[in-house]
N, C-alpha and C. Protein backbone atom coordinates (compact mmCIF):
# COMPACT_ATOMS: atom_id res chain seq x y z
N MET A 1 -44.46 -98.49 -16.12
CA MET A 1 -44.73 -97.60 -17.30
C MET A 1 -43.54 -96.74 -17.54
N PRO A 2 -43.19 -96.48 -18.82
CA PRO A 2 -42.03 -95.72 -19.08
C PRO A 2 -42.30 -94.19 -18.85
N GLN A 3 -41.28 -93.52 -18.59
CA GLN A 3 -41.31 -92.02 -18.37
C GLN A 3 -41.14 -91.47 -19.86
N ILE A 4 -42.11 -90.70 -20.34
CA ILE A 4 -41.93 -90.06 -21.62
C ILE A 4 -42.11 -88.55 -21.34
N TRP A 5 -41.10 -87.85 -21.77
CA TRP A 5 -41.08 -86.38 -21.66
C TRP A 5 -41.17 -85.64 -22.99
N MET A 6 -42.08 -84.79 -23.13
CA MET A 6 -42.37 -84.16 -24.47
C MET A 6 -42.44 -82.63 -24.32
N THR A 7 -42.03 -81.91 -25.41
CA THR A 7 -42.14 -80.48 -25.49
C THR A 7 -43.69 -80.19 -25.63
N TYR A 8 -43.97 -78.91 -25.61
CA TYR A 8 -45.40 -78.51 -25.80
C TYR A 8 -45.78 -78.65 -27.30
N ASP A 9 -44.78 -78.47 -28.15
CA ASP A 9 -45.09 -78.78 -29.63
C ASP A 9 -45.33 -80.20 -29.91
N GLU A 10 -44.57 -81.00 -29.25
CA GLU A 10 -44.77 -82.48 -29.52
C GLU A 10 -46.12 -83.01 -28.81
N ILE A 11 -46.47 -82.36 -27.75
CA ILE A 11 -47.78 -82.74 -27.12
C ILE A 11 -48.88 -82.26 -28.01
N ALA A 12 -48.70 -81.06 -28.53
CA ALA A 12 -49.72 -80.48 -29.59
C ALA A 12 -49.93 -81.38 -30.66
N ASP A 13 -48.80 -81.95 -31.29
CA ASP A 13 -49.04 -82.86 -32.37
C ASP A 13 -49.69 -84.13 -31.96
N LEU A 14 -49.40 -84.61 -30.84
CA LEU A 14 -50.06 -85.86 -30.24
C LEU A 14 -51.51 -85.58 -30.11
N LEU A 15 -51.99 -84.48 -29.58
CA LEU A 15 -53.31 -84.22 -29.21
C LEU A 15 -54.12 -83.53 -30.34
N GLY A 16 -53.42 -82.99 -31.31
CA GLY A 16 -54.13 -82.34 -32.42
C GLY A 16 -54.44 -80.92 -32.09
N CYS A 17 -53.70 -80.19 -31.31
CA CYS A 17 -54.01 -78.75 -30.95
C CYS A 17 -52.72 -77.91 -31.23
N ASP A 18 -52.78 -76.73 -30.75
CA ASP A 18 -51.57 -75.89 -30.84
C ASP A 18 -50.79 -75.90 -29.52
N ALA A 19 -49.54 -75.42 -29.56
CA ALA A 19 -48.64 -75.46 -28.40
C ALA A 19 -49.26 -74.77 -27.21
N GLU A 20 -49.89 -73.69 -27.34
CA GLU A 20 -50.44 -72.93 -26.24
C GLU A 20 -51.65 -73.78 -25.58
N ALA A 21 -52.41 -74.35 -26.38
CA ALA A 21 -53.49 -75.21 -25.78
C ALA A 21 -52.83 -76.44 -25.09
N ALA A 22 -51.78 -76.93 -25.69
CA ALA A 22 -51.13 -78.05 -25.06
C ALA A 22 -50.51 -77.60 -23.63
N ARG A 23 -49.84 -76.46 -23.64
CA ARG A 23 -49.33 -75.92 -22.36
C ARG A 23 -50.52 -75.76 -21.31
N ALA A 24 -51.62 -75.22 -21.72
CA ALA A 24 -52.76 -74.97 -20.84
C ALA A 24 -53.24 -76.39 -20.24
N MET A 25 -53.23 -77.37 -21.11
CA MET A 25 -53.73 -78.71 -20.65
C MET A 25 -52.76 -79.30 -19.64
N VAL A 26 -51.41 -79.05 -19.91
CA VAL A 26 -50.33 -79.55 -19.05
C VAL A 26 -50.53 -78.93 -17.67
N ILE A 27 -50.67 -77.62 -17.61
CA ILE A 27 -50.90 -76.95 -16.43
C ILE A 27 -52.13 -77.32 -15.56
N HIS A 28 -53.19 -77.60 -16.39
CA HIS A 28 -54.54 -78.03 -15.83
C HIS A 28 -54.32 -79.33 -15.22
N ARG A 29 -53.57 -80.30 -15.76
CA ARG A 29 -53.39 -81.62 -15.27
C ARG A 29 -52.34 -81.67 -14.22
N SER A 30 -51.58 -80.51 -13.99
CA SER A 30 -50.54 -80.45 -12.90
C SER A 30 -49.41 -81.45 -13.25
N LEU A 31 -48.99 -81.55 -14.49
CA LEU A 31 -47.98 -82.47 -14.87
C LEU A 31 -46.59 -81.93 -14.59
N ASP A 32 -45.64 -82.78 -14.27
CA ASP A 32 -44.20 -82.45 -14.01
C ASP A 32 -43.73 -81.75 -15.27
N ARG A 33 -43.10 -80.57 -15.13
CA ARG A 33 -42.30 -79.88 -16.23
C ARG A 33 -40.96 -79.53 -15.74
N ARG A 34 -40.06 -79.58 -16.75
CA ARG A 34 -38.68 -79.30 -16.47
C ARG A 34 -38.08 -78.51 -17.75
N LYS A 35 -37.28 -77.56 -17.42
CA LYS A 35 -36.47 -76.92 -18.57
C LYS A 35 -35.35 -77.67 -18.88
N SER A 36 -35.23 -78.08 -20.13
CA SER A 36 -33.99 -78.90 -20.53
C SER A 36 -32.84 -77.99 -20.88
N ARG A 37 -31.77 -78.62 -20.98
CA ARG A 37 -30.45 -77.90 -21.30
C ARG A 37 -30.56 -77.22 -22.72
N ASP A 38 -31.43 -77.67 -23.59
CA ASP A 38 -31.61 -77.09 -24.94
C ASP A 38 -32.54 -75.89 -24.86
N GLY A 39 -33.07 -75.58 -23.60
CA GLY A 39 -33.92 -74.45 -23.52
C GLY A 39 -35.44 -74.73 -23.60
N PHE A 40 -35.72 -75.94 -24.06
CA PHE A 40 -37.14 -76.25 -24.27
C PHE A 40 -37.70 -76.82 -22.89
N THR A 41 -39.00 -76.57 -22.59
CA THR A 41 -39.65 -77.04 -21.43
C THR A 41 -40.24 -78.42 -21.89
N ARG A 42 -39.95 -79.47 -21.08
CA ARG A 42 -40.55 -80.78 -21.35
C ARG A 42 -41.43 -81.17 -20.31
N THR A 43 -42.44 -81.97 -20.58
CA THR A 43 -43.43 -82.44 -19.66
C THR A 43 -43.49 -83.87 -19.65
N LYS A 44 -43.60 -84.47 -18.39
CA LYS A 44 -43.65 -85.87 -18.24
C LYS A 44 -45.17 -86.26 -18.48
N LEU A 45 -45.38 -87.19 -19.39
CA LEU A 45 -46.71 -87.58 -19.79
C LEU A 45 -47.40 -88.32 -18.65
N ASP A 46 -48.71 -88.23 -18.40
CA ASP A 46 -49.45 -88.96 -17.47
C ASP A 46 -49.74 -90.26 -18.16
N LEU A 47 -50.39 -91.15 -17.41
CA LEU A 47 -50.76 -92.50 -17.88
C LEU A 47 -51.64 -92.34 -19.23
N ASP A 48 -52.65 -91.48 -19.22
CA ASP A 48 -53.45 -91.29 -20.36
C ASP A 48 -52.68 -90.84 -21.59
N TRP A 49 -51.88 -89.79 -21.50
CA TRP A 49 -51.22 -89.36 -22.61
C TRP A 49 -50.13 -90.30 -23.06
N THR A 50 -49.59 -91.10 -22.13
CA THR A 50 -48.58 -92.05 -22.49
C THR A 50 -49.21 -93.11 -23.35
N ALA A 51 -50.39 -93.57 -22.89
CA ALA A 51 -51.18 -94.52 -23.73
C ALA A 51 -51.48 -94.03 -25.12
N ARG A 52 -51.88 -92.71 -25.20
CA ARG A 52 -52.12 -92.18 -26.48
C ARG A 52 -50.84 -92.19 -27.40
N PHE A 53 -49.65 -91.82 -26.77
CA PHE A 53 -48.41 -91.82 -27.45
C PHE A 53 -47.99 -93.30 -28.00
N ILE A 54 -48.24 -94.22 -27.15
CA ILE A 54 -47.88 -95.59 -27.59
C ILE A 54 -48.81 -96.10 -28.68
N ALA A 55 -50.10 -95.70 -28.49
CA ALA A 55 -51.14 -96.03 -29.61
C ALA A 55 -50.70 -95.37 -30.92
N ALA A 56 -50.24 -94.20 -30.90
CA ALA A 56 -49.77 -93.42 -32.09
C ALA A 56 -48.62 -94.03 -32.69
N ILE A 57 -47.69 -94.58 -31.92
CA ILE A 57 -46.52 -95.35 -32.44
C ILE A 57 -46.94 -96.67 -33.13
N ARG A 58 -47.82 -97.34 -32.46
CA ARG A 58 -48.38 -98.64 -33.06
C ARG A 58 -49.11 -98.37 -34.31
N GLU A 59 -49.78 -97.45 -34.43
CA GLU A 59 -50.64 -97.09 -35.68
C GLU A 59 -49.64 -96.65 -36.81
N ALA A 60 -48.58 -96.11 -36.48
CA ALA A 60 -47.61 -95.64 -37.44
C ALA A 60 -46.96 -96.74 -38.23
N ASP A 61 -46.73 -97.82 -37.59
CA ASP A 61 -45.93 -98.93 -38.17
C ASP A 61 -46.54 -100.28 -37.78
N PRO A 62 -47.53 -100.70 -38.47
CA PRO A 62 -48.02 -102.12 -38.08
C PRO A 62 -47.08 -103.20 -37.97
N ALA A 63 -46.08 -103.22 -38.85
CA ALA A 63 -45.13 -104.26 -38.83
C ALA A 63 -44.30 -104.29 -37.53
N LEU A 64 -43.91 -103.08 -36.97
CA LEU A 64 -43.23 -103.00 -35.77
C LEU A 64 -44.20 -103.38 -34.67
N ASP A 65 -45.39 -103.01 -34.70
CA ASP A 65 -46.34 -103.37 -33.67
C ASP A 65 -46.46 -104.92 -33.54
N GLN A 66 -46.49 -105.54 -34.75
CA GLN A 66 -46.56 -106.97 -34.80
C GLN A 66 -45.36 -107.71 -34.23
N ALA A 67 -44.18 -107.20 -34.46
CA ALA A 67 -43.00 -107.65 -33.97
C ALA A 67 -42.91 -107.54 -32.39
N VAL A 68 -43.47 -106.36 -31.85
CA VAL A 68 -43.44 -106.25 -30.50
C VAL A 68 -44.32 -107.15 -29.79
N ARG A 69 -45.56 -107.41 -30.45
CA ARG A 69 -46.46 -108.39 -29.91
C ARG A 69 -45.88 -109.79 -29.89
N GLU A 70 -45.25 -110.16 -30.95
CA GLU A 70 -44.58 -111.48 -31.03
C GLU A 70 -43.49 -111.69 -29.91
N LEU A 71 -42.71 -110.64 -29.72
CA LEU A 71 -41.67 -110.68 -28.65
C LEU A 71 -42.32 -110.86 -27.26
N ARG A 72 -43.41 -110.08 -27.03
CA ARG A 72 -44.11 -110.26 -25.80
C ARG A 72 -44.63 -111.71 -25.61
N MET A 73 -45.19 -112.25 -26.63
CA MET A 73 -45.65 -113.64 -26.58
C MET A 73 -44.56 -114.56 -26.22
N MET A 74 -43.39 -114.49 -26.93
CA MET A 74 -42.36 -115.27 -26.64
C MET A 74 -41.77 -115.09 -25.25
N GLY A 75 -41.72 -113.88 -24.79
CA GLY A 75 -41.33 -113.67 -23.40
C GLY A 75 -42.18 -114.34 -22.38
N ASP A 76 -43.54 -114.27 -22.67
CA ASP A 76 -44.49 -114.89 -21.77
C ASP A 76 -44.37 -116.40 -21.80
N ALA A 77 -44.14 -116.99 -23.07
CA ALA A 77 -43.90 -118.41 -23.15
C ALA A 77 -42.59 -118.86 -22.38
N MET A 78 -41.59 -118.07 -22.53
CA MET A 78 -40.39 -118.34 -21.85
C MET A 78 -40.45 -118.22 -20.34
N SER A 79 -41.19 -117.31 -19.74
CA SER A 79 -41.42 -117.25 -18.33
C SER A 79 -42.23 -118.29 -17.79
N ARG A 80 -43.04 -119.00 -18.55
CA ARG A 80 -43.83 -120.11 -18.04
C ARG A 80 -43.01 -121.46 -18.05
N SER A 81 -41.95 -121.52 -18.84
CA SER A 81 -41.21 -122.76 -18.88
C SER A 81 -40.29 -122.92 -17.75
N ASP A 82 -39.70 -124.05 -17.44
CA ASP A 82 -38.75 -124.27 -16.39
C ASP A 82 -37.49 -123.64 -16.59
N ALA A 83 -36.96 -123.72 -17.79
CA ALA A 83 -35.74 -123.08 -18.17
C ALA A 83 -35.91 -122.04 -19.25
N PRO A 84 -35.11 -120.95 -19.28
CA PRO A 84 -35.26 -120.02 -20.32
C PRO A 84 -35.12 -120.55 -21.64
N PHE A 85 -35.78 -120.13 -22.67
CA PHE A 85 -35.73 -120.56 -24.06
C PHE A 85 -34.33 -120.60 -24.62
N GLY A 86 -33.94 -121.74 -25.08
CA GLY A 86 -32.60 -121.83 -25.70
C GLY A 86 -31.55 -122.09 -24.71
N VAL A 87 -31.76 -122.16 -23.39
CA VAL A 87 -30.79 -122.41 -22.37
C VAL A 87 -30.97 -123.81 -21.95
N ARG A 88 -29.89 -124.55 -22.04
CA ARG A 88 -29.91 -125.97 -21.56
C ARG A 88 -29.33 -126.15 -20.16
N LYS A 89 -29.97 -126.95 -19.36
CA LYS A 89 -29.47 -127.23 -18.02
C LYS A 89 -28.34 -128.23 -18.16
N PRO A 90 -27.20 -128.03 -17.52
CA PRO A 90 -26.11 -129.03 -17.45
C PRO A 90 -26.72 -130.41 -17.06
N LEU A 91 -26.26 -131.51 -17.70
CA LEU A 91 -26.73 -132.82 -17.28
C LEU A 91 -26.08 -133.07 -15.83
N LEU A 92 -24.81 -133.15 -15.74
CA LEU A 92 -24.07 -133.29 -14.41
C LEU A 92 -22.72 -132.68 -14.55
N ASP A 93 -22.33 -132.16 -13.50
CA ASP A 93 -20.92 -131.66 -13.35
C ASP A 93 -19.97 -132.78 -13.45
N ARG A 94 -19.13 -132.93 -14.40
CA ARG A 94 -18.22 -134.14 -14.60
C ARG A 94 -17.35 -134.34 -13.38
N ASP A 95 -16.76 -133.23 -12.87
CA ASP A 95 -15.96 -133.29 -11.76
C ASP A 95 -16.64 -133.88 -10.51
N ALA A 96 -17.91 -133.55 -10.34
CA ALA A 96 -18.67 -133.99 -9.11
C ALA A 96 -18.97 -135.50 -9.37
N THR A 97 -19.21 -135.93 -10.53
CA THR A 97 -19.46 -137.37 -10.65
C THR A 97 -18.26 -138.29 -10.67
N ALA A 98 -17.09 -137.74 -10.96
CA ALA A 98 -15.92 -138.40 -10.96
C ALA A 98 -15.17 -138.30 -9.56
N GLY A 99 -15.86 -137.86 -8.55
CA GLY A 99 -15.23 -137.72 -7.22
C GLY A 99 -14.20 -136.49 -7.15
N GLY A 100 -14.34 -135.60 -8.12
CA GLY A 100 -13.45 -134.45 -8.05
C GLY A 100 -12.09 -134.73 -8.68
N ARG A 101 -11.97 -135.86 -9.39
CA ARG A 101 -10.66 -136.16 -9.97
C ARG A 101 -10.49 -135.38 -11.27
């Protein structure tokens, strides 16, 4: 699962609350927090909030979501085949068949 770090304002947008409520929920969940170089505190999302974030992205652009699904299906199909998709196995090494000449 990817690590996603968000500010309290970003979490508030994700959850539909204000930044103070988001901060309180972060503290209640005991999530990792770090002060960034830009001065903002960022929180590493837990599994539940990461799933909500990914769902929000998928809902925002259905075409992108469909493209990601198709890439996953292609990756699954490639992993089930003997050789990676589009990669041809060499027939024989010509030097080996000619006795190294």
